[in-house]
Amino acid sequence: MLANTPHDKGFLFTLENAIITEGQRLIIRLYRECKAYEKSLVNSTTFENDSEVNCPVVFDGYLCWGPAKANTTEIKSCPNYVIGYDGNLKASKICTENGTWWRHPESGGEWSNYTSCIDQNYFHSRQLINDIYFYGYCFSLVTLIISLVIFLSFRSLRCTRIRIHTQLFISLALSCIMWILWYNFVVDSTSVIANNPSWCISLHIMTQYLMICNYFWMFCEGIHLHLALVVVFIKDDKAIKMFMVIGWIVPLIFVTIYSILRARSDLDSKLCWVEESHFMWILLIPVIVVLVCSAAFLVNIVRVLITKLHPKSNNPAPLAIKKAVRATLILIPLFGLQHILLPFRPIKDSIFEFPYQILSAILISLQGFCVSFLFCFVNHEVVTQIVTYLHHLCPGLFTTYRERYYAPPPTTTRDIVV
């Protein structure tokens, strides 16, 4: 692990303008203590008369080193406040024969050896979690693309409900792509995070925007179900325009505000924005609001549905509405699952922390697959269209399945098929 030793006075300024977490505050305090220790040695008579002391006191960003005698290796306990480091292991720094700290041949900077500090168990567990996210998003992306191809291939599926599904799937697919790029080019590259390039920040902003769009399009699914059951008359064109504004424009407003405020804050604009920001509430509050509103819509939908399913009802709900409600009831909690589980996050280093992280990675990264499965692969109308198409290709082979799944084509006005 390379740790460049800061000699310029601007090092403390850089630290204080970084993302201030408890760990950063500790590093700033350690730096100040190291500088105070250095000054005390300079003023010490013992230090002035000791001609054998060659390598000076330095702070490398983690630990305070020196003074050290020439041609020696200083050993210190690894900083346990660094994520992934084991405090029981040892770090080292070499003082050369000419009284200077050893420099790395590639970087040319003074080098402290923290390679032995890495907690291998933690490293492998984090790598496993990152792999679950990466491959989960890849799998979700494939299923979403397949679903989009199916929706766009059959003219009979181009109804209001399917158009909403399509927008949700596009949002989820783009979100998966952004997360795949994020894990591939940012998470695994410490140099990119340290350099904080503009493309990295742009990728973070796009990732957050599309993630918010996912929640808002799921909210649109709930609104459409509510309108289909409760509202008697509504034009589909007006409904689609309203959903477009809610699904794409409204999230853009929140993300724009978040991005401007965070970019103007020296405390939150470092390290590719990988750390939690003080401005995350701007994105979190609308997500919670749409989840609560979606739950309220669904409660009313279930109430209306129960009324329509009553044996004496003159207007019983069709099977399609029941399937739509069932699918949405499953998806709404799924999309808010990480927020529900957040207060119950296990204590750090407890035996439940790793299983919790694994479960979260699986559920979050496979949201796209769950949507594809519920709204496309087991969609009665989609299955009917596919089986009908295959029946035309091979008439004798799919006759039984065609008879089983056959249903009249969806209406183009107040469509309510999942």
Protein backbone atom coordinates (compact mmCIF):
# COMPACT_ATOMS: atom_id res chain seq x y z
CA MET A 1 0.00 0.00 0.00
CA LEU A 2 1.51 3.30 -1.10
CA ALA A 3 1.35 6.22 1.27
CA ASN A 4 2.88 9.46 0.05
CA THR A 5 4.39 11.59 2.78
CA PRO A 6 3.10 15.18 2.78
CA HIS A 7 5.76 17.85 3.27
CA ASP A 8 3.81 20.89 2.08
CA LYS A 9 1.69 23.06 4.36
CA GLY A 10 -1.32 22.45 2.16
CA PHE A 11 -1.71 18.85 3.32
CA LEU A 12 -3.85 19.78 6.32
CA PHE A 13 -5.94 22.08 4.11
CA THR A 14 -6.51 19.18 1.72
CA LEU A 15 -7.60 16.87 4.53
CA GLU A 16 -9.92 19.41 6.05
CA ASN A 17 -11.61 19.98 2.70
CA ALA A 18 -12.09 16.29 2.04
CA ILE A 19 -15.22 14.37 2.95
CA ILE A 20 -15.24 14.72 6.73
CA THR A 21 -16.13 11.47 8.39
CA GLU A 22 -15.17 10.22 11.81
CA GLY A 23 -12.14 8.53 10.23
CA GLN A 24 -11.09 11.77 8.51
CA ARG A 25 -11.40 13.71 11.74
CA LEU A 26 -9.18 11.13 13.40
CA ILE A 27 -6.57 11.48 10.64
CA ILE A 28 -6.56 15.28 11.01
CA ARG A 29 -6.06 14.91 14.76
CA LEU A 30 -3.23 12.40 14.23
CA TYR A 31 -1.57 14.74 11.74
CA ARG A 32 -1.66 17.61 14.22
CA GLU A 33 -0.30 15.39 16.98
CA CYS A 34 2.51 14.27 14.68
CA LYS A 35 3.44 17.88 13.84
CA ALA A 36 3.38 18.78 17.54
CA TYR A 37 5.62 15.79 18.27
CA GLU A 38 8.03 16.91 15.54
CA LYS A 39 8.22 20.42 16.99
CA SER A 40 8.86 19.04 20.46
CA LEU A 41 11.78 17.02 19.12
CA VAL A 42 13.24 20.00 17.29
CA ASN A 43 13.20 21.97 20.53
CA SER A 44 14.70 19.06 22.44
CA THR A 45 18.39 19.23 23.41
CA THR A 46 18.62 15.45 23.22
CA PHE A 47 17.44 15.52 19.59
CA GLU A 48 19.96 18.24 18.63
CA ASN A 49 22.89 16.35 20.15
CA ASP A 50 21.90 12.97 18.67
CA SER A 51 23.90 12.75 15.46
CA GLU A 52 22.71 9.19 14.76
CA VAL A 53 19.11 10.23 14.12
CA ASN A 54 18.75 10.78 10.40
CA CYS A 55 15.23 10.19 9.04
CA PRO A 56 12.85 12.99 10.14
CA VAL A 57 9.37 12.73 11.60
CA VAL A 58 6.74 12.42 8.86
CA PHE A 59 3.02 11.77 8.66
CA ASP A 60 2.09 9.64 5.65
CA GLY A 61 -1.66 10.07 5.88
CA TYR A 62 -2.17 7.15 8.25
CA LEU A 63 0.62 7.02 10.86
CA CYS A 64 3.34 9.22 12.30
CA TRP A 65 6.82 7.82 11.57
CA GLY A 66 10.25 8.65 12.98
CA PRO A 67 12.59 9.86 13.96
CA ALA A 68 14.57 6.81 12.86
CA LYS A 69 18.22 5.90 12.60
CA ALA A 70 19.78 5.37 9.21
CA ASN A 71 19.69 1.88 7.73
CA THR A 72 16.83 0.73 9.99
CA THR A 73 13.24 -0.33 9.52
CA GLU A 74 10.59 1.16 11.76
CA ILE A 75 7.68 -1.07 12.71
CA LYS A 76 4.25 0.12 13.88
CA SER A 77 0.85 -1.45 14.45
CA CYS A 78 -1.46 -1.11 11.46
CA PRO A 79 -4.10 1.65 11.70
CA ASN A 80 -7.27 -0.14 12.74
CA TYR A 81 -9.42 2.85 11.76
CA VAL A 82 -8.75 2.16 8.06
CA ILE A 83 -11.45 -0.06 6.59
CA GLY A 84 -9.99 -3.42 5.62
CA TYR A 85 -6.90 -3.14 7.86
CA ASP A 86 -6.22 -5.43 10.80
CA GLY A 87 -4.87 -3.53 13.81
CA ASN A 88 -3.11 -6.66 15.08
CA LEU A 89 -0.81 -6.70 12.04
CA LYS A 90 2.30 -4.57 11.48
CA ALA A 91 3.25 -1.83 8.98
CA SER A 92 6.82 -0.81 8.21
CA LYS A 93 8.85 2.10 6.82
CA ILE A 94 12.52 1.93 5.77
CA CYS A 95 15.07 4.57 6.69
CA THR A 96 17.91 4.33 4.14
CA GLU A 97 21.65 4.64 4.74
CA ASN A 98 21.75 8.29 3.72
CA GLY A 99 19.12 9.25 6.28
CA THR A 100 16.08 9.59 4.02
CA TRP A 101 12.91 7.58 3.88
CA TRP A 102 12.87 4.96 1.13
CA ARG A 103 11.10 6.01 -2.06
CA HIS A 104 9.03 3.77 -4.30
CA PRO A 105 10.76 3.33 -7.69
CA GLU A 106 7.51 3.70 -9.65
CA SER A 107 5.89 6.68 -7.95
CA GLY A 108 9.06 8.36 -6.71
CA GLY A 109 7.30 9.18 -3.45
CA GLU A 110 8.22 8.16 0.07
CA TRP A 111 6.67 4.78 0.72
CA SER A 112 5.21 3.12 3.79
CA ASN A 113 4.54 -0.59 3.57
CA TYR A 114 0.91 -1.27 4.49
CA THR A 115 0.57 -4.34 2.29
CA SER A 116 0.81 -6.61 5.32
CA CYS A 117 -2.04 -4.72 7.03
CA ILE A 118 -4.77 -5.96 4.73
CA ASP A 119 -7.32 -8.16 6.45
CA GLN A 120 -7.56 -10.95 3.89
CA ASN A 121 -10.91 -12.19 5.20
CA TYR A 122 -12.37 -8.69 4.89
CA PHE A 123 -10.83 -8.21 1.46
CA HIS A 124 -12.29 -11.45 0.11
CA SER A 125 -15.71 -10.76 1.64
CA ARG A 126 -15.83 -7.28 0.10
CA GLN A 127 -14.75 -8.70 -3.25
CA LEU A 128 -17.51 -11.31 -3.03
CA ILE A 129 -20.13 -8.65 -2.28
CA ASN A 130 -18.92 -6.47 -5.16
CA ASP A 131 -19.02 -9.50 -7.48
CA ILE A 132 -22.61 -10.24 -6.42
CA TYR A 133 -23.61 -6.68 -7.24
CA PHE A 134 -21.77 -6.73 -10.57
CA TYR A 135 -23.08 -10.07 -11.84
CA GLY A 136 -26.53 -9.44 -10.36
CA TYR A 137 -26.82 -6.21 -12.33
CA CYS A 138 -25.52 -7.98 -15.46
CA PHE A 139 -28.16 -10.71 -15.10
CA SER A 140 -30.89 -8.13 -14.49
CA LEU A 141 -29.76 -6.18 -17.55
CA VAL A 142 -30.02 -9.25 -19.79
CA THR A 143 -33.54 -10.07 -18.59
CA LEU A 144 -34.63 -6.43 -18.97
CA ILE A 145 -33.33 -6.27 -22.54
CA ILE A 146 -35.18 -9.49 -23.40
CA SER A 147 -38.36 -8.06 -21.89
CA LEU A 148 -38.02 -4.82 -23.84
CA VAL A 149 -37.51 -6.74 -27.08
CA ILE A 150 -40.69 -8.71 -26.38
CA PHE A 151 -42.73 -5.60 -25.54
CA LEU A 152 -41.58 -3.73 -28.63
CA SER A 153 -41.95 -6.70 -30.99
CA PHE A 154 -45.70 -7.26 -30.63
CA ARG A 155 -48.00 -4.48 -31.78
CA SER A 156 -50.85 -5.87 -29.69
CA LEU A 157 -48.79 -5.22 -26.53
CA ARG A 158 -48.46 -1.49 -27.18
CA CYS A 159 -51.17 -0.46 -24.75
CA THR A 160 -51.06 2.03 -21.88
CA ARG A 161 -50.05 -0.44 -19.21
CA ILE A 162 -47.31 -2.02 -21.32
CA ARG A 163 -46.01 1.44 -22.24
CA ILE A 164 -45.57 2.16 -18.54
CA HIS A 165 -43.83 -1.21 -18.13
CA THR A 166 -41.53 -0.29 -21.01
CA GLN A 167 -40.50 2.99 -19.41
CA LEU A 168 -39.86 1.25 -16.10
CA PHE A 169 -37.75 -1.38 -17.84
CA ILE A 170 -35.75 1.26 -19.72
CA SER A 171 -35.07 3.06 -16.45
CA LEU A 172 -33.97 -0.15 -14.76
CA ALA A 173 -31.82 -1.24 -17.72
CA LEU A 174 -30.00 2.11 -17.86
CA SER A 175 -29.56 1.97 -14.09
CA CYS A 176 -28.00 -1.49 -14.37
CA ILE A 177 -25.60 -0.22 -17.03
CA MET A 178 -24.53 2.70 -14.82
CA TRP A 179 -23.97 0.42 -11.82
CA ILE A 180 -21.98 -2.04 -13.93
CA LEU A 181 -19.75 0.80 -15.13
CA TRP A 182 -19.47 2.09 -11.57
CA TYR A 183 -18.32 -1.23 -10.12
CA ASN A 184 -16.05 -1.96 -13.07
CA PHE A 185 -14.26 1.38 -13.46
CA VAL A 186 -14.60 3.14 -10.09
CA VAL A 187 -15.02 0.77 -7.16
CA ASP A 188 -12.08 -1.41 -8.20
CA SER A 189 -9.79 1.52 -9.02
CA THR A 190 -8.32 3.45 -6.09
CA SER A 191 -6.40 5.70 -8.48
CA VAL A 192 -9.62 6.88 -10.14
CA ILE A 193 -11.19 7.62 -6.75
CA ALA A 194 -8.10 9.53 -5.62
CA ASN A 195 -7.87 11.58 -8.84
CA ASN A 196 -11.59 12.43 -8.71
CA PRO A 197 -12.07 12.93 -12.50
CA SER A 198 -15.14 14.71 -13.85
CA TRP A 199 -16.38 11.60 -15.72
CA CYS A 200 -16.43 9.71 -12.44
CA ILE A 201 -18.61 12.38 -10.81
CA SER A 202 -20.88 12.41 -13.87
CA LEU A 203 -21.25 8.64 -13.61
CA HIS A 204 -22.24 8.98 -9.95
CA ILE A 205 -24.86 11.62 -10.81
CA MET A 206 -26.32 9.51 -13.62
CA THR A 207 -26.43 6.47 -11.34
CA GLN A 208 -28.32 8.38 -8.66
CA TYR A 209 -30.70 9.91 -11.22
CA LEU A 210 -31.64 6.58 -12.76
CA MET A 211 -32.02 4.98 -9.34
CA ILE A 212 -34.54 7.68 -8.39
CA CYS A 213 -36.29 7.19 -11.74
CA ASN A 214 -36.75 3.51 -10.88
CA TYR A 215 -38.72 4.41 -7.76
CA PHE A 216 -40.79 7.04 -9.54
CA TRP A 217 -41.72 4.72 -12.42
CA MET A 218 -42.71 2.09 -9.87
CA PHE A 219 -44.86 4.82 -8.34
CA CYS A 220 -46.40 5.38 -11.80
CA GLU A 221 -47.31 1.70 -11.91
CA GLY A 222 -49.27 2.16 -8.71
CA ILE A 223 -50.92 5.35 -9.98
CA HIS A 224 -52.06 3.62 -13.16
CA LEU A 225 -53.57 0.73 -11.24
CA HIS A 226 -55.36 3.22 -9.03
CA LEU A 227 -56.71 5.14 -12.01
CA ALA A 228 -57.80 1.95 -13.76
CA LEU A 229 -59.83 0.86 -10.74
CA VAL A 230 -61.07 4.07 -9.17
CA VAL A 231 -61.20 6.79 -11.83
CA VAL A 232 -63.97 6.27 -14.36
CA PHE A 233 -62.76 8.39 -17.28
CA ILE A 234 -59.21 9.40 -18.17
CA LYS A 235 -57.55 9.80 -21.55
CA ASP A 236 -54.56 7.54 -22.10
CA ASP A 237 -52.54 10.22 -23.89
CA LYS A 238 -52.88 12.60 -20.95
CA ALA A 239 -52.02 9.81 -18.54
CA ILE A 240 -48.86 8.88 -20.44
CA LYS A 241 -47.71 12.52 -20.55
CA MET A 242 -48.28 12.80 -16.82
CA PHE A 243 -46.31 9.61 -16.19
CA MET A 244 -43.44 10.84 -18.37
CA VAL A 245 -43.17 13.98 -16.27
CA ILE A 246 -43.33 12.04 -13.01
CA GLY A 247 -40.94 9.29 -14.14
CA TRP A 248 -38.24 11.33 -15.90
CA ILE A 249 -38.57 15.06 -15.13
CA VAL A 250 -39.33 15.09 -11.39
CA PRO A 251 -36.30 12.92 -10.46
CA LEU A 252 -34.14 15.21 -12.62
CA ILE A 253 -35.15 18.18 -10.47
CA PHE A 254 -34.10 16.48 -7.23
CA VAL A 255 -30.84 15.14 -8.65
CA THR A 256 -29.95 18.54 -10.13
CA ILE A 257 -30.40 20.22 -6.75
CA TYR A 258 -28.38 17.47 -5.07
CA SER A 259 -25.57 17.73 -7.63
CA ILE A 260 -25.30 21.52 -7.47
CA LEU A 261 -25.20 21.64 -3.68
CA ARG A 262 -22.72 18.79 -3.41
CA ALA A 263 -20.44 20.20 -6.13
CA ARG A 264 -20.31 23.56 -4.33
CA SER A 265 -19.39 21.90 -1.03
CA ASP A 266 -15.68 21.31 -0.48
CA LEU A 267 -16.59 18.78 2.19
CA ASP A 268 -18.52 16.49 -0.17
CA SER A 269 -16.93 16.91 -3.62
CA LYS A 270 -13.91 14.63 -3.26
CA LEU A 271 -13.12 10.98 -4.02
CA CYS A 272 -15.60 10.51 -6.90
CA TRP A 273 -18.41 11.13 -4.43
CA VAL A 274 -18.18 7.53 -3.23
CA GLU A 275 -18.80 8.50 0.39
CA GLU A 276 -22.17 9.37 1.86
CA SER A 277 -22.94 13.07 1.57
CA HIS A 278 -24.72 15.46 3.87
CA PHE A 279 -27.04 16.17 0.92
CA MET A 280 -28.26 12.59 0.40
CA TRP A 281 -31.49 13.51 2.17
CA ILE A 282 -32.46 15.43 -1.00
CA LEU A 283 -32.66 12.08 -2.79
CA LEU A 284 -33.82 9.97 0.13
CA ILE A 285 -36.90 11.99 1.09
CA PRO A 286 -38.65 11.80 -2.33
CA VAL A 287 -37.95 8.06 -2.47
CA ILE A 288 -39.57 7.55 0.92
CA VAL A 289 -42.51 9.78 -0.08
CA VAL A 290 -43.24 7.82 -3.26
CA LEU A 291 -42.94 4.53 -1.39
CA VAL A 292 -45.45 5.71 1.23
CA CYS A 293 -47.78 7.06 -1.47
CA SER A 294 -47.50 3.81 -3.41
CA ALA A 295 -48.40 1.86 -0.29
CA ALA A 296 -51.41 4.14 0.25
CA PHE A 297 -52.54 3.64 -3.35
CA LEU A 298 -52.25 -0.12 -2.97
CA VAL A 299 -54.27 -0.15 0.23
CA ASN A 300 -57.08 1.63 -1.59
CA ILE A 301 -56.68 -0.64 -4.63
CA VAL A 302 -57.02 -3.73 -2.46
CA ARG A 303 -60.09 -2.21 -0.79
CA VAL A 304 -61.74 -1.55 -4.16
CA LEU A 305 -60.70 -4.95 -5.46
CA ILE A 306 -62.24 -6.75 -2.50
CA THR A 307 -65.47 -4.85 -3.13
CA LYS A 308 -65.48 -5.82 -6.80
CA LEU A 309 -64.72 -9.43 -5.95
CA HIS A 310 -67.71 -9.63 -3.65
CA PRO A 311 -70.15 -12.30 -4.90
CA LYS A 312 -73.00 -9.77 -5.10
CA SER A 313 -70.95 -7.16 -6.97
CA ASN A 314 -72.33 -6.13 -10.38
CA ASN A 315 -68.87 -5.15 -11.62
CA PRO A 316 -66.37 -7.89 -10.68
CA ALA A 317 -62.68 -7.15 -11.25
CA PRO A 318 -61.08 -9.09 -14.08
CA LEU A 319 -58.25 -11.53 -13.54
CA ALA A 320 -55.78 -9.06 -15.02
CA ILE A 321 -56.35 -6.53 -12.23
CA LYS A 322 -55.84 -9.17 -9.57
CA LYS A 323 -52.53 -10.17 -11.16
CA ALA A 324 -51.47 -6.55 -11.49
CA VAL A 325 -52.17 -5.86 -7.84
CA ARG A 326 -50.36 -9.02 -6.77
CA ALA A 327 -47.29 -8.11 -8.81
CA THR A 328 -47.21 -4.52 -7.58
CA LEU A 329 -47.75 -5.54 -3.96
CA ILE A 330 -44.62 -7.66 -4.29
CA LEU A 331 -42.55 -5.01 -6.05
CA ILE A 332 -43.29 -2.01 -3.84
CA PRO A 333 -41.77 -3.59 -0.70
CA LEU A 334 -38.94 -4.99 -2.80
CA PHE A 335 -37.92 -1.53 -4.02
CA GLY A 336 -37.99 -0.13 -0.49
CA LEU A 337 -36.35 -3.11 1.14
CA GLN A 338 -32.96 -1.49 1.68
CA HIS A 339 -34.64 1.46 3.42
CA ILE A 340 -36.70 -0.87 5.60
CA LEU A 341 -33.64 -2.94 6.57
CA LEU A 342 -31.36 0.06 7.14
CA PRO A 343 -32.39 0.72 10.77
CA PHE A 344 -31.87 -2.98 11.49
CA ARG A 345 -28.36 -3.13 10.02
CA PRO A 346 -26.22 -5.43 12.19
CA ILE A 347 -23.50 -3.95 14.36
CA LYS A 348 -20.13 -3.64 12.64
CA ASP A 349 -18.00 -6.81 12.88
CA SER A 350 -20.93 -8.83 14.24
CA ILE A 351 -21.62 -12.33 12.91
CA PHE A 352 -24.75 -11.02 11.15
CA GLU A 353 -23.05 -8.21 9.20
CA PHE A 354 -21.72 -10.33 6.35
CA PRO A 355 -24.98 -12.30 5.75
CA TYR A 356 -26.86 -8.98 5.84
CA GLN A 357 -24.58 -7.51 3.17
CA ILE A 358 -24.88 -10.62 1.01
CA LEU A 359 -28.69 -10.59 1.23
CA SER A 360 -28.81 -6.86 0.44
CA ALA A 361 -26.53 -7.31 -2.58
CA ILE A 362 -28.69 -10.12 -3.96
CA LEU A 363 -32.02 -8.34 -3.49
CA ILE A 364 -30.89 -4.94 -4.76
CA SER A 365 -28.95 -6.15 -7.81
CA LEU A 366 -31.72 -8.53 -8.89
CA GLN A 367 -34.53 -5.97 -8.76
CA GLY A 368 -34.45 -5.76 -12.55
CA PHE A 369 -34.86 -9.51 -12.88
CA CYS A 370 -37.80 -9.51 -10.44
CA VAL A 371 -39.54 -6.80 -12.46
CA SER A 372 -38.93 -8.69 -15.71
CA PHE A 373 -40.21 -11.92 -14.23
CA LEU A 374 -43.39 -10.47 -12.73
CA PHE A 375 -44.33 -8.00 -15.47
CA CYS A 376 -43.14 -9.90 -18.56
CA PHE A 377 -42.13 -13.54 -18.26
CA VAL A 378 -45.24 -14.58 -16.31
CA ASN A 379 -47.47 -11.91 -17.85
CA HIS A 380 -50.56 -13.70 -19.19
CA GLU A 381 -50.85 -11.43 -22.23
CA VAL A 382 -47.15 -11.70 -23.08
CA VAL A 383 -47.25 -15.49 -22.80
CA THR A 384 -50.33 -15.54 -25.04
CA GLN A 385 -48.65 -13.47 -27.73
CA ILE A 386 -45.45 -15.53 -27.66
CA VAL A 387 -47.29 -18.84 -27.78
CA THR A 388 -49.48 -17.56 -30.63
CA TYR A 389 -46.40 -16.47 -32.54
CA LEU A 390 -44.71 -19.83 -31.98
CA HIS A 391 -47.93 -21.56 -33.04
CA HIS A 392 -47.70 -19.82 -36.40
CA LEU A 393 -44.12 -21.01 -36.76
CA CYS A 394 -44.80 -24.59 -35.63
CA PRO A 395 -48.60 -25.14 -35.71
CA GLY A 396 -48.65 -28.63 -34.32
CA LEU A 397 -46.11 -28.19 -31.57
CA PHE A 398 -47.70 -25.34 -29.58
CA THR A 399 -51.41 -26.02 -30.12
CA THR A 400 -52.01 -27.25 -26.57
CA TYR A 401 -50.21 -24.31 -24.99
CA ARG A 402 -51.95 -21.86 -27.29
CA GLU A 403 -55.34 -23.14 -26.24
CA ARG A 404 -54.30 -22.97 -22.60
CA TYR A 405 -52.92 -19.42 -22.66
CA TYR A 406 -55.09 -17.88 -25.35
CA ALA A 407 -56.79 -14.65 -24.38
CA PRO A 408 -58.36 -11.83 -26.37
CA PRO A 409 -56.00 -8.98 -27.26
CA PRO A 410 -55.78 -6.10 -24.79
CA THR A 411 -57.88 -3.01 -25.14
CA THR A 412 -56.17 0.15 -26.27
CA THR A 413 -58.12 2.53 -24.03
CA ARG A 414 -58.37 1.65 -20.36
CA ASP A 415 -55.93 -1.23 -20.44
CA ILE A 416 -55.25 -2.85 -17.11
CA VAL A 417 -53.38 -5.98 -18.06
CA VAL A 418 -50.11 -6.62 -16.25
